[in-house]
Amino acid sequence: MKIRWINEEVKLIPGAPKWVEFTAKYPFVLFLPAAVLFTYAHYWNQWIWMEIRSNGKPSSGFF
């Protein structure tokens, strides 16, 4: 299945906000917040497991 980076078939509503038009035309933009949140969650998951494996000894002065 081919990924559509630009949606040419979208029919815009007259008077719609510019961000709605942009998101409708470029739907891959909807995945950007999920990518950022996934990266953040992955970092914290690694950090927590590193703390558990080190028997609870603090490895950094974060807190």
PDB file of N, CA and C in Angstrom:
ATOM      1  N   MET A   1       0.846  -1.175   0.000  1.00  0.00           N
ATOM      2  CA  MET A   1       0.000   0.000   0.000  1.00  0.00           C
ATOM      3  C   MET A   1       0.893   1.240   0.000  1.00  0.00           C
ATOM      4  N   LYS A   2       0.626   2.138  -0.886  1.00  0.00           N
ATOM      5  CA  LYS A   2       1.423   3.350  -1.011  1.00  0.00           C
ATOM      6  C   LYS A   2       0.982   4.389   0.025  1.00  0.00           C
ATOM      7  N   ILE A   3       1.958   5.031   0.647  1.00  0.00           N
ATOM      8  CA  ILE A   3       1.659   6.084   1.619  1.00  0.00           C
ATOM      9  C   ILE A   3       1.415   7.380   0.861  1.00  0.00           C
ATOM     10  N   ARG A   4       0.318   8.036   1.175  1.00  0.00           N
ATOM     11  CA  ARG A   4       0.030   9.336   0.560  1.00  0.00           C
ATOM     12  C   ARG A   4       0.563  10.432   1.459  1.00  0.00           C
ATOM     13  N   TRP A   5       1.590  11.110   1.000  1.00  0.00           N
ATOM     14  CA  TRP A   5       2.129  12.222   1.774  1.00  0.00           C
ATOM     15  C   TRP A   5       1.297  13.477   1.553  1.00  0.00           C
ATOM     16  N   ILE A   6       0.739  13.605   0.358  1.00  0.00           N
ATOM     17  CA  ILE A   6      -0.115  14.754   0.045  1.00  0.00           C
ATOM     18  C   ILE A   6      -1.460  14.206  -0.418  1.00  0.00           C
ATOM     19  N   ASN A   7      -2.520  14.645   0.200  1.00  0.00           N
ATOM     20  CA  ASN A   7      -3.860  14.201  -0.153  1.00  0.00           C
ATOM     21  C   ASN A   7      -4.434  15.166  -1.181  1.00  0.00           C
ATOM     22  N   GLU A   8      -4.466  14.739  -2.429  1.00  0.00           N
ATOM     23  CA  GLU A   8      -4.965  15.589  -3.514  1.00  0.00           C
ATOM     24  C   GLU A   8      -6.489  15.532  -3.630  1.00  0.00           C
ATOM     25  N   GLU A   9      -7.119  14.551  -2.990  1.00  0.00           N
ATOM     26  CA  GLU A   9      -8.561  14.355  -3.143  1.00  0.00           C
ATOM     27  C   GLU A   9      -9.390  15.127  -2.124  1.00  0.00           C
ATOM     28  N   VAL A  10      -8.742  15.850  -1.236  1.00  0.00           N
ATOM     29  CA  VAL A  10      -9.478  16.539  -0.180  1.00  0.00           C
ATOM     30  C   VAL A  10     -10.282  17.703  -0.765  1.00  0.00           C
ATOM     31  N   LYS A  11     -11.509  17.842  -0.279  1.00  0.00           N
ATOM     32  CA  LYS A  11     -12.374  18.949  -0.699  1.00  0.00           C
ATOM     33  C   LYS A  11     -12.529  19.863   0.513  1.00  0.00           C
ATOM     34  N   LEU A  12     -11.893  20.996   0.447  1.00  0.00           N
ATOM     35  CA  LEU A  12     -11.875  21.901   1.587  1.00  0.00           C
ATOM     36  C   LEU A  12     -13.173  22.683   1.706  1.00  0.00           C
ATOM     37  N   ILE A  13     -13.557  22.964   2.933  1.00  0.00           N
ATOM     38  CA  ILE A  13     -14.749  23.764   3.206  1.00  0.00           C
ATOM     39  C   ILE A  13     -14.346  25.228   3.125  1.00  0.00           C
ATOM     40  N   PRO A  14     -15.079  26.030   2.392  1.00  0.00           N
ATOM     41  CA  PRO A  14     -14.732  27.454   2.321  1.00  0.00           C
ATOM     42  C   PRO A  14     -14.785  28.101   3.704  1.00  0.00           C
ATOM     43  N   GLY A  15     -13.771  28.876   4.030  1.00  0.00           N
ATOM     44  CA  GLY A  15     -13.712  29.555   5.317  1.00  0.00           C
ATOM     45  C   GLY A  15     -13.110  28.728   6.435  1.00  0.00           C
ATOM     46  N   ALA A  16     -12.597  27.531   6.117  1.00  0.00           N
ATOM     47  CA  ALA A  16     -11.968  26.699   7.146  1.00  0.00           C
ATOM     48  C   ALA A  16     -10.644  27.328   7.581  1.00  0.00           C
ATOM     49  N   PRO A  17     -10.268  27.140   8.852  1.00  0.00           N
ATOM     50  CA  PRO A  17      -8.975  27.676   9.304  1.00  0.00           C
ATOM     51  C   PRO A  17      -7.818  27.075   8.504  1.00  0.00           C
ATOM     52  N   LYS A  18      -6.727  27.828   8.426  1.00  0.00           N
ATOM     53  CA  LYS A  18      -5.573  27.384   7.631  1.00  0.00           C
ATOM     54  C   LYS A  18      -4.981  26.083   8.169  1.00  0.00           C
ATOM     55  N   TRP A  19      -4.974  25.902   9.510  1.00  0.00           N
ATOM     56  CA  TRP A  19      -4.376  24.686  10.050  1.00  0.00           C
ATOM     57  C   TRP A  19      -5.209  23.457   9.698  1.00  0.00           C
ATOM     58  N   VAL A  20      -6.532  23.630   9.557  1.00  0.00           N
ATOM     59  CA  VAL A  20      -7.391  22.514   9.151  1.00  0.00           C
ATOM     60  C   VAL A  20      -7.103  22.153   7.700  1.00  0.00           C
ATOM     61  N   GLU A  21      -6.960  23.164   6.849  1.00  0.00           N
ATOM     62  CA  GLU A  21      -6.636  22.909   5.443  1.00  0.00           C
ATOM     63  C   GLU A  21      -5.284  22.210   5.323  1.00  0.00           C
ATOM     64  N   PHE A  22      -4.294  22.668   6.082  1.00  0.00           N
ATOM     65  CA  PHE A  22      -2.956  22.076   6.020  1.00  0.00           C
ATOM     66  C   PHE A  22      -2.976  20.623   6.484  1.00  0.00           C
ATOM     67  N   THR A  23      -3.669  20.355   7.607  1.00  0.00           N
ATOM     68  CA  THR A  23      -3.734  18.995   8.135  1.00  0.00           C
ATOM     69  C   THR A  23      -4.496  18.071   7.196  1.00  0.00           C
ATOM     70  N   ALA A  24      -5.525  18.583   6.538  1.00  0.00           N
ATOM     71  CA  ALA A  24      -6.278  17.763   5.597  1.00  0.00           C
ATOM     72  C   ALA A  24      -5.439  17.442   4.362  1.00  0.00           C
ATOM     73  N   LYS A  25      -4.639  18.395   3.931  1.00  0.00           N
ATOM     74  CA  LYS A  25      -3.830  18.174   2.734  1.00  0.00           C
ATOM     75  C   LYS A  25      -2.613  17.303   3.027  1.00  0.00           C
ATOM     76  N   TYR A  26      -2.020  17.447   4.218  1.00  0.00           N
ATOM     77  CA  TYR A  26      -0.833  16.680   4.601  1.00  0.00           C
ATOM     78  C   TYR A  26      -1.147  15.843   5.842  1.00  0.00           C
ATOM     79  N   PRO A  27      -1.831  14.687   5.682  1.00  0.00           N
ATOM     80  CA  PRO A  27      -2.293  13.911   6.842  1.00  0.00           C
ATOM     81  C   PRO A  27      -1.173  13.303   7.685  1.00  0.00           C
ATOM     82  N   PHE A  28       0.045  13.164   7.146  1.00  0.00           N
ATOM     83  CA  PHE A  28       1.126  12.581   7.940  1.00  0.00           C
ATOM     84  C   PHE A  28       1.485  13.465   9.137  1.00  0.00           C
ATOM     85  N   VAL A  29       1.067  14.737   9.117  1.00  0.00           N
ATOM     86  CA  VAL A  29       1.350  15.653  10.231  1.00  0.00           C
ATOM     87  C   VAL A  29       0.689  15.154  11.515  1.00  0.00           C
ATOM     88  N   LEU A  30      -0.396  14.395  11.380  1.00  0.00           N
ATOM     89  CA  LEU A  30      -1.091  13.882  12.560  1.00  0.00           C
ATOM     90  C   LEU A  30      -0.230  12.908  13.358  1.00  0.00           C
ATOM     91  N   PHE A  31       0.782  12.299  12.727  1.00  0.00           N
ATOM     92  CA  PHE A  31       1.632  11.336  13.423  1.00  0.00           C
ATOM     93  C   PHE A  31       2.780  11.990  14.190  1.00  0.00           C
ATOM     94  N   LEU A  32       3.044  13.260  13.961  1.00  0.00           N
ATOM     95  CA  LEU A  32       4.175  13.917  14.628  1.00  0.00           C
ATOM     96  C   LEU A  32       4.032  13.967  16.154  1.00  0.00           C
ATOM     97  N   PRO A  33       2.869  14.358  16.709  1.00  0.00           N
ATOM     98  CA  PRO A  33       2.757  14.339  18.180  1.00  0.00           C
ATOM     99  C   PRO A  33       2.940  12.940  18.763  1.00  0.00           C
ATOM    100  N   ALA A  34       2.419  11.923  18.075  1.00  0.00           N
ATOM    101  CA  ALA A  34       2.583  10.551  18.561  1.00  0.00           C
ATOM    102  C   ALA A  34       4.051  10.146  18.546  1.00  0.00           C
ATOM    103  N   ALA A  35       4.793  10.566  17.540  1.00  0.00           N
ATOM    104  CA  ALA A  35       6.221  10.239  17.466  1.00  0.00           C
ATOM    105  C   ALA A  35       6.981  10.892  18.610  1.00  0.00           C
ATOM    106  N   VAL A  36       6.641  12.124  18.931  1.00  0.00           N
ATOM    107  CA  VAL A  36       7.309  12.820  20.037  1.00  0.00           C
ATOM    108  C   VAL A  36       6.977  12.137  21.364  1.00  0.00           C
ATOM    109  N   LEU A  37       5.711  11.817  21.580  1.00  0.00           N
ATOM    110  CA  LEU A  37       5.315  11.172  22.830  1.00  0.00           C
ATOM    111  C   LEU A  37       5.912   9.778  22.961  1.00  0.00           C
ATOM    112  N   PHE A  38       5.998   9.042  21.857  1.00  0.00           N
ATOM    113  CA  PHE A  38       6.597   7.709  21.893  1.00  0.00           C
ATOM    114  C   PHE A  38       8.069   7.797  22.282  1.00  0.00           C
ATOM    115  N   THR A  39       8.783   8.752  21.717  1.00  0.00           N
ATOM    116  CA  THR A  39      10.200   8.928  22.047  1.00  0.00           C
ATOM    117  C   THR A  39      10.370   9.271  23.522  1.00  0.00           C
ATOM    118  N   TYR A  40       9.537  10.158  24.033  1.00  0.00           N
ATOM    119  CA  TYR A  40       9.585  10.549  25.447  1.00  0.00           C
ATOM    120  C   TYR A  40       9.292   9.350  26.358  1.00  0.00           C
ATOM    121  N   ALA A  41       8.254   8.589  26.032  1.00  0.00           N
ATOM    122  CA  ALA A  41       7.891   7.426  26.842  1.00  0.00           C
ATOM    123  C   ALA A  41       8.986   6.362  26.795  1.00  0.00           C
ATOM    124  N   HIS A  42       9.590   6.171  25.646  1.00  0.00           N
ATOM    125  CA  HIS A  42      10.664   5.185  25.512  1.00  0.00           C
ATOM    126  C   HIS A  42      11.866   5.577  26.376  1.00  0.00           C
ATOM    127  N   TYR A  43      12.211   6.854  26.379  1.00  0.00           N
ATOM    128  CA  TYR A  43      13.319   7.335  27.216  1.00  0.00           C
ATOM    129  C   TYR A  43      13.048   7.056  28.696  1.00  0.00           C
ATOM    130  N   TRP A  44      11.859   7.402  29.164  1.00  0.00           N
ATOM    131  CA  TRP A  44      11.554   7.204  30.580  1.00  0.00           C
ATOM    132  C   TRP A  44      11.450   5.728  30.932  1.00  0.00           C
ATOM    133  N   ASN A  45      10.961   4.916  30.013  1.00  0.00           N
ATOM    134  CA  ASN A  45      10.895   3.481  30.260  1.00  0.00           C
ATOM    135  C   ASN A  45      12.300   2.914  30.445  1.00  0.00           C
ATOM    136  N   GLN A  46      13.241   3.316  29.604  1.00  0.00           N
ATOM    137  CA  GLN A  46      14.623   2.859  29.757  1.00  0.00           C
ATOM    138  C   GLN A  46      15.211   3.338  31.080  1.00  0.00           C
ATOM    139  N   TRP A  47      14.946   4.573  31.431  1.00  0.00           N
ATOM    140  CA  TRP A  47      15.498   5.139  32.659  1.00  0.00           C
ATOM    141  C   TRP A  47      14.965   4.401  33.887  1.00  0.00           C
ATOM    142  N   ILE A  48      13.667   4.117  33.897  1.00  0.00           N
ATOM    143  CA  ILE A  48      13.057   3.416  35.032  1.00  0.00           C
ATOM    144  C   ILE A  48      13.619   2.005  35.154  1.00  0.00           C
ATOM    145  N   TRP A  49      13.739   1.269  34.035  1.00  0.00           N
ATOM    146  CA  TRP A  49      14.276  -0.087  34.096  1.00  0.00           C
ATOM    147  C   TRP A  49      15.736  -0.096  34.512  1.00  0.00           C
ATOM    148  N   MET A  50      16.489   0.923  34.129  1.00  0.00           N
ATOM    149  CA  MET A  50      17.877   1.018  34.560  1.00  0.00           C
ATOM    150  C   MET A  50      17.942   1.206  36.076  1.00  0.00           C
ATOM    151  N   GLU A  51      17.032   2.001  36.620  1.00  0.00           N
ATOM    152  CA  GLU A  51      16.976   2.195  38.072  1.00  0.00           C
ATOM    153  C   GLU A  51      16.604   0.892  38.784  1.00  0.00           C
ATOM    154  N   ILE A  52      15.665   0.144  38.236  1.00  0.00           N
ATOM    155  CA  ILE A  52      15.243  -1.116  38.863  1.00  0.00           C
ATOM    156  C   ILE A  52      16.387  -2.122  38.843  1.00  0.00           C
ATOM    157  N   ARG A  53      17.089  -2.203  37.724  1.00  0.00           N
ATOM    158  CA  ARG A  53      18.191  -3.166  37.604  1.00  0.00           C
ATOM    159  C   ARG A  53      19.380  -2.800  38.480  1.00  0.00           C
ATOM    160  N   SER A  54      19.523  -1.543  38.831  1.00  0.00           N
ATOM    161  CA  SER A  54      20.642  -1.150  39.692  1.00  0.00           C
ATOM    162  C   SER A  54      20.236  -1.201  41.170  1.00  0.00           C
ATOM    163  N   ASN A  55      19.224  -1.982  41.482  1.00  0.00           N
ATOM    164  CA  ASN A  55      18.741  -2.199  42.860  1.00  0.00           C
ATOM    165  C   ASN A  55      18.288  -0.916  43.536  1.00  0.00           C
ATOM    166  N   GLY A  56      17.735  -0.019  42.791  1.00  0.00           N
ATOM    167  CA  GLY A  56      17.180   1.186  43.367  1.00  0.00           C
ATOM    168  C   GLY A  56      18.192   2.248  43.725  1.00  0.00           C
ATOM    169  N   LYS A  57      19.452   2.024  43.414  1.00  0.00           N
ATOM    170  CA  LYS A  57      20.463   3.044  43.695  1.00  0.00           C
ATOM    171  C   LYS A  57      20.320   4.169  42.679  1.00  0.00           C
ATOM    172  N   PRO A  58      20.243   5.393  43.126  1.00  0.00           N
ATOM    173  CA  PRO A  58      20.087   6.485  42.163  1.00  0.00           C
ATOM    174  C   PRO A  58      21.314   6.606  41.259  1.00  0.00           C
ATOM    175  N   SER A  59      21.082   6.611  39.968  1.00  0.00           N
ATOM    176  CA  SER A  59      22.193   6.687  39.023  1.00  0.00           C
ATOM    177  C   SER A  59      22.459   8.118  38.586  1.00  0.00           C
ATOM    178  N   SER A  60      21.539   9.018  38.892  1.00  0.00           N
ATOM    179  CA  SER A  60      21.746  10.416  38.522  1.00  0.00           C
ATOM    180  C   SER A  60      21.118  11.298  39.596  1.00  0.00           C
ATOM    181  N   GLY A  61      21.471  12.549  39.583  1.00  0.00           N
ATOM    182  CA  GLY A  61      20.923  13.480  40.553  1.00  0.00           C
ATOM    183  C   GLY A  61      19.691  14.185  40.038  1.00  0.00           C
ATOM    184  N   PHE A  62      18.860  13.460  39.304  1.00  0.00           N
ATOM    185  CA  PHE A  62      17.685  14.082  38.699  1.00  0.00           C
ATOM    186  C   PHE A  62      16.685  14.523  39.757  1.00  0.00           C
ATOM    187  N   PHE A  63      16.451  13.687  40.769  1.00  0.00           N
ATOM    188  CA  PHE A  63      15.496  14.034  41.823  1.00  0.00           C
ATOM    189  C   PHE A  63      16.223  14.346  43.097  1.00  0.00           C
TER     190      PHE A  63
END
